Amino acid sequence: MQVLWRNPESLLLSRTVRSAVIVGRRIKQLPAEVAAYIAGLIDGEGTVTLTRLHANENRRIAVSIANTEIQLLKFVIDEVGAGKITRKRTSSDRHTPSFCYAITSRQALDLLRQLSPYLRSYKRKRAELAIQFYEQLTPRNGKYTQTLLADRRKFETNLLSLTSVS
């Protein structure tokens, strides 16, 4: 496993987006207390959602944690063994610099399998729904039949409709 830090000393100072990425395909097996701690971070400061980078892409599962303490997110990336940390832009000098840990696709799904027993908010229902249906509704070659695409859209709607007020 290799850690790539881009401008680590400027990570705290620069206004531009900087990131740290861990290169590796599999996430680590987490001890129960670490899994519970990370689940608590996700319940409090994170999100379990479906996201896309471009308008014409299908959504992918994403788990993220936003925080102003980069050491906390470095702990998460070191324990999980995958994902990335990016600096969020601030709109004012008065705002505290903040960062975001994110992991997507099948790595995020593997992480959710370990964390879901410890999640306590609506994010647990989202995680369980993703674990149950994401892989079977996401062909690795990206080719969807009409039926599969319709089922995939229904899954996306169901997952995104699970919120703290639902």
N, C-alpha and C. Protein backbone atom coordinates (compact mmCIF):
# COMPACT_ATOMS: atom_id res chain seq x y z
N MET A 1 0.85 -1.16 0.00
CA MET A 1 0.00 0.00 0.00
C MET A 1 0.90 1.23 0.00
N GLN A 2 0.54 2.22 -0.77
CA GLN A 2 1.36 3.41 -0.93
C GLN A 2 0.52 4.64 -0.62
N VAL A 3 1.09 5.55 0.13
CA VAL A 3 0.40 6.80 0.44
C VAL A 3 1.01 7.90 -0.42
N LEU A 4 0.19 8.61 -1.12
CA LEU A 4 0.64 9.75 -1.92
C LEU A 4 0.15 11.03 -1.27
N TRP A 5 1.06 11.85 -0.80
CA TRP A 5 0.68 13.15 -0.24
C TRP A 5 1.08 14.21 -1.23
N ARG A 6 0.17 15.02 -1.62
CA ARG A 6 0.46 16.13 -2.52
C ARG A 6 0.60 17.39 -1.68
N ASN A 7 1.78 17.95 -1.67
CA ASN A 7 2.07 19.18 -0.91
C ASN A 7 1.57 19.11 0.52
N PRO A 8 2.06 18.18 1.33
CA PRO A 8 1.53 18.05 2.69
C PRO A 8 1.71 19.29 3.53
N GLU A 9 2.84 20.04 3.33
CA GLU A 9 3.02 21.23 4.15
C GLU A 9 2.05 22.35 3.76
N SER A 10 1.63 22.39 2.51
CA SER A 10 0.69 23.43 2.10
C SER A 10 -0.76 23.01 2.29
N LEU A 11 -0.99 21.78 2.73
CA LEU A 11 -2.34 21.28 2.93
C LEU A 11 -3.10 22.16 3.91
N LEU A 12 -2.42 22.68 4.90
CA LEU A 12 -3.07 23.50 5.90
C LEU A 12 -3.09 24.99 5.55
N LEU A 13 -2.29 25.40 4.59
CA LEU A 13 -2.11 26.82 4.33
C LEU A 13 -2.76 27.30 3.05
N SER A 14 -2.76 26.50 2.03
CA SER A 14 -3.20 26.94 0.72
C SER A 14 -4.72 27.02 0.62
N ARG A 15 -5.20 27.94 -0.21
CA ARG A 15 -6.63 28.04 -0.47
C ARG A 15 -7.08 27.09 -1.57
N THR A 16 -6.15 26.55 -2.33
CA THR A 16 -6.51 25.63 -3.39
C THR A 16 -6.74 24.25 -2.82
N VAL A 17 -7.42 23.42 -3.56
CA VAL A 17 -7.72 22.08 -3.09
C VAL A 17 -6.45 21.23 -3.17
N ARG A 18 -6.07 20.64 -2.08
CA ARG A 18 -4.94 19.72 -2.01
C ARG A 18 -5.51 18.39 -1.53
N SER A 19 -4.83 17.31 -1.84
CA SER A 19 -5.38 16.04 -1.41
C SER A 19 -4.31 15.04 -1.05
N ALA A 20 -4.70 14.08 -0.25
CA ALA A 20 -3.88 12.92 0.08
C ALA A 20 -4.66 11.70 -0.37
N VAL A 21 -4.00 10.82 -1.06
CA VAL A 21 -4.67 9.64 -1.60
C VAL A 21 -3.91 8.39 -1.19
N ILE A 22 -4.61 7.39 -0.74
CA ILE A 22 -3.98 6.10 -0.49
C ILE A 22 -4.30 5.20 -1.67
N VAL A 23 -3.25 4.70 -2.29
CA VAL A 23 -3.41 3.84 -3.45
C VAL A 23 -3.46 2.40 -2.97
N GLY A 24 -4.52 1.71 -3.28
CA GLY A 24 -4.70 0.31 -2.88
C GLY A 24 -6.10 -0.12 -3.23
N ARG A 25 -6.28 -1.38 -3.50
CA ARG A 25 -7.58 -1.85 -3.96
C ARG A 25 -8.47 -2.30 -2.81
N ARG A 26 -7.89 -2.89 -1.78
CA ARG A 26 -8.70 -3.45 -0.70
C ARG A 26 -8.55 -2.62 0.57
N ILE A 27 -9.64 -2.50 1.28
CA ILE A 27 -9.55 -1.81 2.56
C ILE A 27 -9.11 -2.80 3.62
N LYS A 28 -8.60 -2.27 4.72
CA LYS A 28 -8.13 -3.12 5.81
C LYS A 28 -9.31 -3.66 6.62
N GLN A 29 -9.08 -4.78 7.29
CA GLN A 29 -10.06 -5.31 8.23
C GLN A 29 -9.95 -4.48 9.51
N LEU A 30 -11.03 -3.87 9.93
CA LEU A 30 -11.00 -2.96 11.08
C LEU A 30 -11.32 -3.69 12.38
N PRO A 31 -10.56 -3.39 13.44
CA PRO A 31 -10.96 -3.90 14.76
C PRO A 31 -12.32 -3.30 15.14
N ALA A 32 -13.07 -3.98 15.96
CA ALA A 32 -14.43 -3.54 16.31
C ALA A 32 -14.46 -2.13 16.87
N GLU A 33 -13.51 -1.78 17.76
CA GLU A 33 -13.55 -0.45 18.36
C GLU A 33 -13.23 0.64 17.35
N VAL A 34 -12.37 0.36 16.38
CA VAL A 34 -12.07 1.33 15.33
C VAL A 34 -13.28 1.47 14.40
N ALA A 35 -13.90 0.36 14.05
CA ALA A 35 -15.10 0.40 13.20
C ALA A 35 -16.20 1.21 13.87
N ALA A 36 -16.39 1.01 15.17
CA ALA A 36 -17.42 1.76 15.91
C ALA A 36 -17.08 3.24 15.94
N TYR A 37 -15.81 3.58 16.12
CA TYR A 37 -15.40 4.98 16.16
C TYR A 37 -15.64 5.67 14.82
N ILE A 38 -15.24 5.01 13.73
CA ILE A 38 -15.43 5.59 12.40
C ILE A 38 -16.92 5.69 12.08
N ALA A 39 -17.70 4.70 12.50
CA ALA A 39 -19.16 4.77 12.30
C ALA A 39 -19.73 5.98 13.03
N GLY A 40 -19.23 6.25 14.23
CA GLY A 40 -19.67 7.43 14.98
C GLY A 40 -19.33 8.72 14.26
N LEU A 41 -18.14 8.76 13.63
CA LEU A 41 -17.77 9.94 12.84
C LEU A 41 -18.72 10.12 11.66
N ILE A 42 -19.06 9.02 11.01
CA ILE A 42 -19.98 9.10 9.87
C ILE A 42 -21.37 9.52 10.34
N ASP A 43 -21.85 8.96 11.44
CA ASP A 43 -23.15 9.36 11.97
C ASP A 43 -23.18 10.86 12.29
N GLY A 44 -22.09 11.37 12.85
CA GLY A 44 -22.08 12.76 13.28
C GLY A 44 -21.64 13.77 12.24
N GLU A 45 -20.60 13.44 11.49
CA GLU A 45 -19.99 14.40 10.58
C GLU A 45 -19.95 13.93 9.13
N GLY A 46 -20.53 12.79 8.84
CA GLY A 46 -20.37 12.21 7.52
C GLY A 46 -21.64 12.00 6.75
N THR A 47 -21.48 11.31 5.64
CA THR A 47 -22.62 11.01 4.79
C THR A 47 -22.42 9.66 4.09
N VAL A 48 -23.52 9.00 3.84
CA VAL A 48 -23.56 7.79 3.01
C VAL A 48 -24.53 8.14 1.90
N THR A 49 -24.04 8.22 0.67
CA THR A 49 -24.90 8.70 -0.41
C THR A 49 -24.49 8.09 -1.74
N LEU A 50 -25.21 8.45 -2.76
CA LEU A 50 -24.87 8.11 -4.14
C LEU A 50 -24.50 9.41 -4.83
N THR A 51 -23.39 9.41 -5.53
CA THR A 51 -22.91 10.63 -6.16
C THR A 51 -22.39 10.33 -7.56
N ARG A 52 -22.27 11.36 -8.36
CA ARG A 52 -21.67 11.22 -9.69
C ARG A 52 -20.76 12.40 -9.97
N LEU A 53 -19.75 12.17 -10.78
CA LEU A 53 -18.82 13.24 -11.14
C LEU A 53 -19.31 14.03 -12.35
N HIS A 54 -19.98 13.35 -13.27
CA HIS A 54 -20.47 13.98 -14.50
C HIS A 54 -21.95 13.69 -14.66
N ALA A 55 -22.65 14.60 -15.30
CA ALA A 55 -24.11 14.49 -15.42
C ALA A 55 -24.56 13.22 -16.14
N ASN A 56 -23.76 12.73 -17.08
CA ASN A 56 -24.19 11.55 -17.86
C ASN A 56 -23.74 10.23 -17.24
N GLU A 57 -23.15 10.24 -16.05
CA GLU A 57 -22.71 9.02 -15.39
C GLU A 57 -23.79 8.48 -14.46
N ASN A 58 -23.68 7.19 -14.19
CA ASN A 58 -24.51 6.61 -13.14
C ASN A 58 -23.92 6.98 -11.79
N ARG A 59 -24.77 7.02 -10.80
CA ARG A 59 -24.30 7.35 -9.45
C ARG A 59 -23.53 6.18 -8.86
N ARG A 60 -22.58 6.50 -7.98
CA ARG A 60 -21.83 5.47 -7.26
C ARG A 60 -21.93 5.72 -5.78
N ILE A 61 -21.77 4.67 -5.01
CA ILE A 61 -21.87 4.80 -3.56
C ILE A 61 -20.65 5.58 -3.07
N ALA A 62 -20.89 6.47 -2.11
CA ALA A 62 -19.81 7.28 -1.54
C ALA A 62 -20.03 7.42 -0.04
N VAL A 63 -18.93 7.34 0.70
CA VAL A 63 -18.94 7.57 2.14
C VAL A 63 -17.95 8.70 2.37
N SER A 64 -18.36 9.72 3.11
CA SER A 64 -17.45 10.83 3.37
C SER A 64 -17.61 11.33 4.79
N ILE A 65 -16.53 11.98 5.27
CA ILE A 65 -16.52 12.60 6.59
C ILE A 65 -15.87 13.96 6.43
N ALA A 66 -16.55 15.01 6.86
CA ALA A 66 -16.00 16.36 6.81
C ALA A 66 -15.63 16.78 8.22
N ASN A 67 -14.46 17.44 8.35
CA ASN A 67 -14.02 17.87 9.66
C ASN A 67 -12.94 18.93 9.53
N THR A 68 -12.76 19.74 10.56
CA THR A 68 -11.71 20.75 10.56
C THR A 68 -10.40 20.19 11.11
N GLU A 69 -10.44 19.02 11.70
CA GLU A 69 -9.24 18.39 12.27
C GLU A 69 -8.67 17.38 11.28
N ILE A 70 -7.63 17.76 10.58
CA ILE A 70 -7.07 16.85 9.57
C ILE A 70 -6.47 15.60 10.21
N GLN A 71 -5.99 15.71 11.45
CA GLN A 71 -5.42 14.54 12.12
C GLN A 71 -6.46 13.44 12.28
N LEU A 72 -7.69 13.82 12.53
CA LEU A 72 -8.78 12.87 12.66
C LEU A 72 -9.00 12.12 11.34
N LEU A 73 -8.97 12.85 10.23
CA LEU A 73 -9.18 12.23 8.92
C LEU A 73 -7.96 11.40 8.50
N LYS A 74 -6.77 11.83 8.92
CA LYS A 74 -5.56 11.02 8.65
C LYS A 74 -5.67 9.69 9.39
N PHE A 75 -6.20 9.71 10.61
CA PHE A 75 -6.41 8.48 11.36
C PHE A 75 -7.34 7.55 10.57
N VAL A 76 -8.43 8.10 10.03
CA VAL A 76 -9.40 7.30 9.28
C VAL A 76 -8.74 6.69 8.05
N ILE A 77 -8.03 7.49 7.27
CA ILE A 77 -7.42 6.98 6.04
C ILE A 77 -6.35 5.94 6.35
N ASP A 78 -5.61 6.13 7.44
CA ASP A 78 -4.59 5.14 7.83
C ASP A 78 -5.23 3.83 8.28
N GLU A 79 -6.32 3.90 9.02
CA GLU A 79 -6.98 2.70 9.52
C GLU A 79 -7.70 1.95 8.40
N VAL A 80 -8.36 2.70 7.51
CA VAL A 80 -9.13 2.07 6.43
C VAL A 80 -8.20 1.55 5.34
N GLY A 81 -7.14 2.30 5.04
CA GLY A 81 -6.20 1.89 4.01
C GLY A 81 -6.62 2.25 2.61
N ALA A 82 -7.62 3.10 2.46
CA ALA A 82 -8.08 3.53 1.14
C ALA A 82 -8.85 4.82 1.29
N GLY A 83 -9.04 5.51 0.18
CA GLY A 83 -9.80 6.76 0.18
C GLY A 83 -8.91 7.95 -0.08
N LYS A 84 -9.47 9.14 0.10
CA LYS A 84 -8.69 10.35 -0.12
C LYS A 84 -9.16 11.44 0.83
N ILE A 85 -8.26 12.36 1.11
CA ILE A 85 -8.57 13.54 1.91
C ILE A 85 -8.37 14.74 1.02
N THR A 86 -9.38 15.59 0.95
CA THR A 86 -9.26 16.83 0.18
C THR A 86 -9.54 18.02 1.08
N ARG A 87 -8.97 19.13 0.72
CA ARG A 87 -9.21 20.37 1.45
C ARG A 87 -10.43 21.04 0.82
N LYS A 88 -11.34 21.49 1.65
CA LYS A 88 -12.52 22.19 1.16
C LYS A 88 -12.20 23.67 1.04
N ARG A 89 -12.75 24.30 0.07
CA ARG A 89 -12.51 25.74 -0.12
C ARG A 89 -13.27 26.54 0.93
N THR A 90 -12.65 27.61 1.39
CA THR A 90 -13.32 28.52 2.32
C THR A 90 -13.65 29.79 1.56
N SER A 91 -14.77 30.39 1.90
CA SER A 91 -15.20 31.60 1.20
C SER A 91 -14.79 32.87 1.93
N SER A 92 -14.23 32.70 3.13
CA SER A 92 -13.84 33.86 3.92
C SER A 92 -12.62 33.50 4.77
N ASP A 93 -11.78 34.50 5.04
CA ASP A 93 -10.61 34.28 5.91
C ASP A 93 -11.04 33.92 7.33
N ARG A 94 -12.25 34.29 7.71
CA ARG A 94 -12.74 34.00 9.06
C ARG A 94 -13.15 32.54 9.24
N HIS A 95 -13.34 31.82 8.14
CA HIS A 95 -13.75 30.42 8.22
C HIS A 95 -12.55 29.53 8.54
N THR A 96 -12.76 28.55 9.39
CA THR A 96 -11.72 27.58 9.71
C THR A 96 -11.53 26.65 8.53
N PRO A 97 -10.28 26.39 8.15
CA PRO A 97 -10.06 25.44 7.05
C PRO A 97 -10.66 24.08 7.41
N SER A 98 -11.30 23.45 6.43
CA SER A 98 -11.89 22.14 6.69
C SER A 98 -11.47 21.16 5.60
N PHE A 99 -11.64 19.88 5.91
CA PHE A 99 -11.16 18.81 5.04
C PHE A 99 -12.25 17.76 4.92
N CYS A 100 -12.11 16.91 3.90
CA CYS A 100 -13.10 15.87 3.67
C CYS A 100 -12.39 14.56 3.31
N TYR A 101 -12.70 13.51 4.05
CA TYR A 101 -12.28 12.16 3.70
C TYR A 101 -13.39 11.55 2.87
N ALA A 102 -13.04 10.90 1.76
CA ALA A 102 -14.05 10.27 0.91
C ALA A 102 -13.54 8.95 0.36
N ILE A 103 -14.45 8.01 0.24
CA ILE A 103 -14.17 6.72 -0.37
C ILE A 103 -15.40 6.35 -1.19
N THR A 104 -15.19 5.78 -2.38
CA THR A 104 -16.32 5.54 -3.28
C THR A 104 -16.33 4.11 -3.82
N SER A 105 -17.41 3.80 -4.48
CA SER A 105 -17.61 2.56 -5.22
C SER A 105 -17.48 1.32 -4.34
N ARG A 106 -16.82 0.31 -4.84
CA ARG A 106 -16.77 -0.97 -4.12
C ARG A 106 -15.95 -0.88 -2.84
N GLN A 107 -14.96 0.02 -2.80
CA GLN A 107 -14.23 0.21 -1.55
C GLN A 107 -15.17 0.77 -0.48
N ALA A 108 -16.03 1.71 -0.86
CA ALA A 108 -17.00 2.25 0.09
C ALA A 108 -17.97 1.17 0.55
N LEU A 109 -18.36 0.31 -0.36
CA LEU A 109 -19.26 -0.79 -0.02
C LEU A 109 -18.59 -1.75 0.97
N ASP A 110 -17.32 -2.06 0.74
CA ASP A 110 -16.59 -2.91 1.68
C ASP A 110 -16.49 -2.26 3.05
N LEU A 111 -16.27 -0.94 3.07
CA LEU A 111 -16.21 -0.23 4.35
C LEU A 111 -17.56 -0.28 5.06
N LEU A 112 -18.63 -0.07 4.32
CA LEU A 112 -19.98 -0.10 4.92
C LEU A 112 -20.32 -1.47 5.50
N ARG A 113 -19.83 -2.52 4.88
CA ARG A 113 -20.06 -3.87 5.43
C ARG A 113 -19.49 -3.99 6.83
N GLN A 114 -18.35 -3.35 7.08
CA GLN A 114 -17.73 -3.41 8.40
C GLN A 114 -18.36 -2.43 9.39
N LEU A 115 -18.87 -1.31 8.88
CA LEU A 115 -19.36 -0.25 9.77
C LEU A 115 -20.85 -0.33 10.07
N SER A 116 -21.64 -0.95 9.20
CA SER A 116 -23.10 -0.88 9.34
C SER A 116 -23.62 -1.36 10.70
N PRO A 117 -23.04 -2.36 11.36
CA PRO A 117 -23.57 -2.73 12.67
C PRO A 117 -23.43 -1.62 13.72
N TYR A 118 -22.53 -0.67 13.48
CA TYR A 118 -22.26 0.37 14.46
C TYR A 118 -22.92 1.71 14.12
N LEU A 119 -23.47 1.84 12.92
CA LEU A 119 -24.17 3.08 12.56
C LEU A 119 -25.48 3.16 13.32
N ARG A 120 -25.87 4.36 13.74
CA ARG A 120 -27.07 4.51 14.56
C ARG A 120 -28.12 5.43 13.94
N SER A 121 -27.80 6.14 12.90
CA SER A 121 -28.75 7.09 12.31
C SER A 121 -29.38 6.46 11.06
N TYR A 122 -30.08 7.28 10.29
CA TYR A 122 -30.67 6.82 9.03
C TYR A 122 -29.60 6.31 8.08
N LYS A 123 -28.35 6.65 8.34
CA LYS A 123 -27.24 6.21 7.49
C LYS A 123 -27.08 4.69 7.56
N ARG A 124 -27.52 4.09 8.65
CA ARG A 124 -27.48 2.63 8.75
C ARG A 124 -28.44 2.01 7.72
N LYS A 125 -29.63 2.57 7.58
CA LYS A 125 -30.58 2.06 6.60
C LYS A 125 -30.03 2.23 5.19
N ARG A 126 -29.39 3.38 4.93
CA ARG A 126 -28.77 3.59 3.62
C ARG A 126 -27.67 2.56 3.37
N ALA A 127 -26.84 2.33 4.39
CA ALA A 127 -25.75 1.36 4.26
C ALA A 127 -26.30 -0.03 3.98
N GLU A 128 -27.32 -0.44 4.72
CA GLU A 128 -27.90 -1.78 4.53
C GLU A 128 -28.51 -1.93 3.15
N LEU A 129 -29.17 -0.89 2.66
CA LEU A 129 -29.76 -0.93 1.32
C LEU A 129 -28.65 -1.04 0.26
N ALA A 130 -27.59 -0.28 0.44
CA ALA A 130 -26.46 -0.34 -0.50
C ALA A 130 -25.81 -1.71 -0.48
N ILE A 131 -25.59 -2.26 0.69
CA ILE A 131 -24.97 -3.58 0.82
C ILE A 131 -25.82 -4.64 0.14
N GLN A 132 -27.13 -4.52 0.30
CA GLN A 132 -28.05 -5.52 -0.25
C GLN A 132 -28.15 -5.45 -1.78
N PHE A 133 -28.18 -4.24 -2.36
CA PHE A 133 -28.52 -4.12 -3.78
C PHE A 133 -27.45 -3.54 -4.70
N TYR A 134 -26.48 -2.81 -4.18
CA TYR A 134 -25.56 -2.05 -5.04
C TYR A 134 -24.81 -2.93 -6.04
N GLU A 135 -24.20 -4.00 -5.58
CA GLU A 135 -23.40 -4.85 -6.49
C GLU A 135 -24.25 -5.53 -7.56
N GLN A 136 -25.42 -6.03 -7.19
CA GLN A 136 -26.24 -6.72 -8.18
C GLN A 136 -26.85 -5.76 -9.19
N LEU A 137 -26.95 -4.48 -8.85
CA LEU A 137 -27.51 -3.49 -9.77
C LEU A 137 -26.44 -2.66 -10.47
N THR A 138 -25.16 -3.02 -10.27
CA THR A 138 -24.05 -2.28 -10.87
C THR A 138 -23.15 -3.26 -11.60
N PRO A 139 -23.39 -3.49 -12.89
CA PRO A 139 -22.52 -4.41 -13.63
C PRO A 139 -21.11 -3.82 -13.76
N ARG A 140 -20.10 -4.66 -13.60
CA ARG A 140 -18.71 -4.18 -13.64
C ARG A 140 -18.34 -3.63 -15.02
N ASN A 141 -18.98 -4.11 -16.08
CA ASN A 141 -18.67 -3.60 -17.41
C ASN A 141 -19.45 -2.34 -17.75
N GLY A 142 -20.37 -1.92 -16.88
CA GLY A 142 -21.12 -0.69 -17.10
C GLY A 142 -22.24 -0.80 -18.11
N LYS A 143 -22.53 -2.00 -18.56
CA LYS A 143 -23.59 -2.18 -19.56
C LYS A 143 -24.87 -2.62 -18.87
N TYR A 144 -25.91 -1.82 -19.04
CA TYR A 144 -27.19 -2.05 -18.38
C TYR A 144 -28.24 -2.48 -19.40
N THR A 145 -29.04 -3.46 -19.03
CA THR A 145 -30.24 -3.77 -19.80
C THR A 145 -31.29 -2.74 -19.38
N GLN A 146 -32.36 -2.63 -20.11
CA GLN A 146 -33.42 -1.68 -19.75
C GLN A 146 -34.02 -2.01 -18.39
N THR A 147 -34.21 -3.30 -18.13
CA THR A 147 -34.76 -3.73 -16.85
C THR A 147 -33.81 -3.41 -15.71
N LEU A 148 -32.54 -3.72 -15.90
CA LEU A 148 -31.54 -3.45 -14.87
C LEU A 148 -31.42 -1.94 -14.61
N LEU A 149 -31.47 -1.15 -15.66
CA LEU A 149 -31.39 0.30 -15.50
C LEU A 149 -32.60 0.84 -14.74
N ALA A 150 -33.77 0.30 -15.02
CA ALA A 150 -34.98 0.72 -14.30
C ALA A 150 -34.88 0.34 -12.82
N ASP A 151 -34.39 -0.88 -12.55
CA ASP A 151 -34.20 -1.30 -11.16
C ASP A 151 -33.15 -0.44 -10.46
N ARG A 152 -32.12 -0.08 -11.19
CA ARG A 152 -31.05 0.76 -10.63
C ARG A 152 -31.61 2.14 -10.26
N ARG A 153 -32.42 2.73 -11.10
CA ARG A 153 -33.02 4.06 -10.82
C ARG A 153 -33.94 3.98 -9.59
N LYS A 154 -34.67 2.89 -9.48
CA LYS A 154 -35.56 2.70 -8.33
C LYS A 154 -34.74 2.59 -7.04
N PHE A 155 -33.63 1.83 -7.10
CA PHE A 155 -32.72 1.71 -5.97
C PHE A 155 -32.18 3.08 -5.57
N GLU A 156 -31.73 3.87 -6.54
CA GLU A 156 -31.19 5.21 -6.26
C GLU A 156 -32.24 6.08 -5.57
N THR A 157 -33.44 6.06 -6.09
CA THR A 157 -34.53 6.85 -5.50
C THR A 157 -34.81 6.41 -4.06
N ASN A 158 -34.87 5.10 -3.84
CA ASN A 158 -35.13 4.58 -2.50
C ASN A 158 -34.03 4.95 -1.53
N LEU A 159 -32.77 4.82 -1.94
CA LEU A 159 -31.66 5.12 -1.04
C LEU A 159 -31.63 6.62 -0.71
N LEU A 160 -31.77 7.45 -1.72
CA LEU A 160 -31.70 8.89 -1.48
C LEU A 160 -32.90 9.45 -0.74
N SER A 161 -34.01 8.70 -0.73
CA SER A 161 -35.20 9.16 0.01
C SER A 161 -35.08 8.89 1.51
N LEU A 162 -34.12 8.06 1.90
CA LEU A 162 -33.91 7.79 3.34
C LEU A 162 -33.13 8.98 3.93
N THR A 163 -33.82 9.77 4.73
CA THR A 163 -33.18 10.93 5.35
C THR A 163 -33.51 10.92 6.84
N SER A 164 -32.94 11.88 7.55
CA SER A 164 -33.14 11.93 9.00
C SER A 164 -34.59 12.26 9.36
N VAL A 165 -35.34 12.83 8.43
CA VAL A 165 -36.74 13.16 8.72
C VAL A 165 -37.73 12.15 8.15
N SER A 166 -37.21 11.14 7.40
CA SER A 166 -38.15 10.18 6.81
C SER A 166 -38.49 9.05 7.74
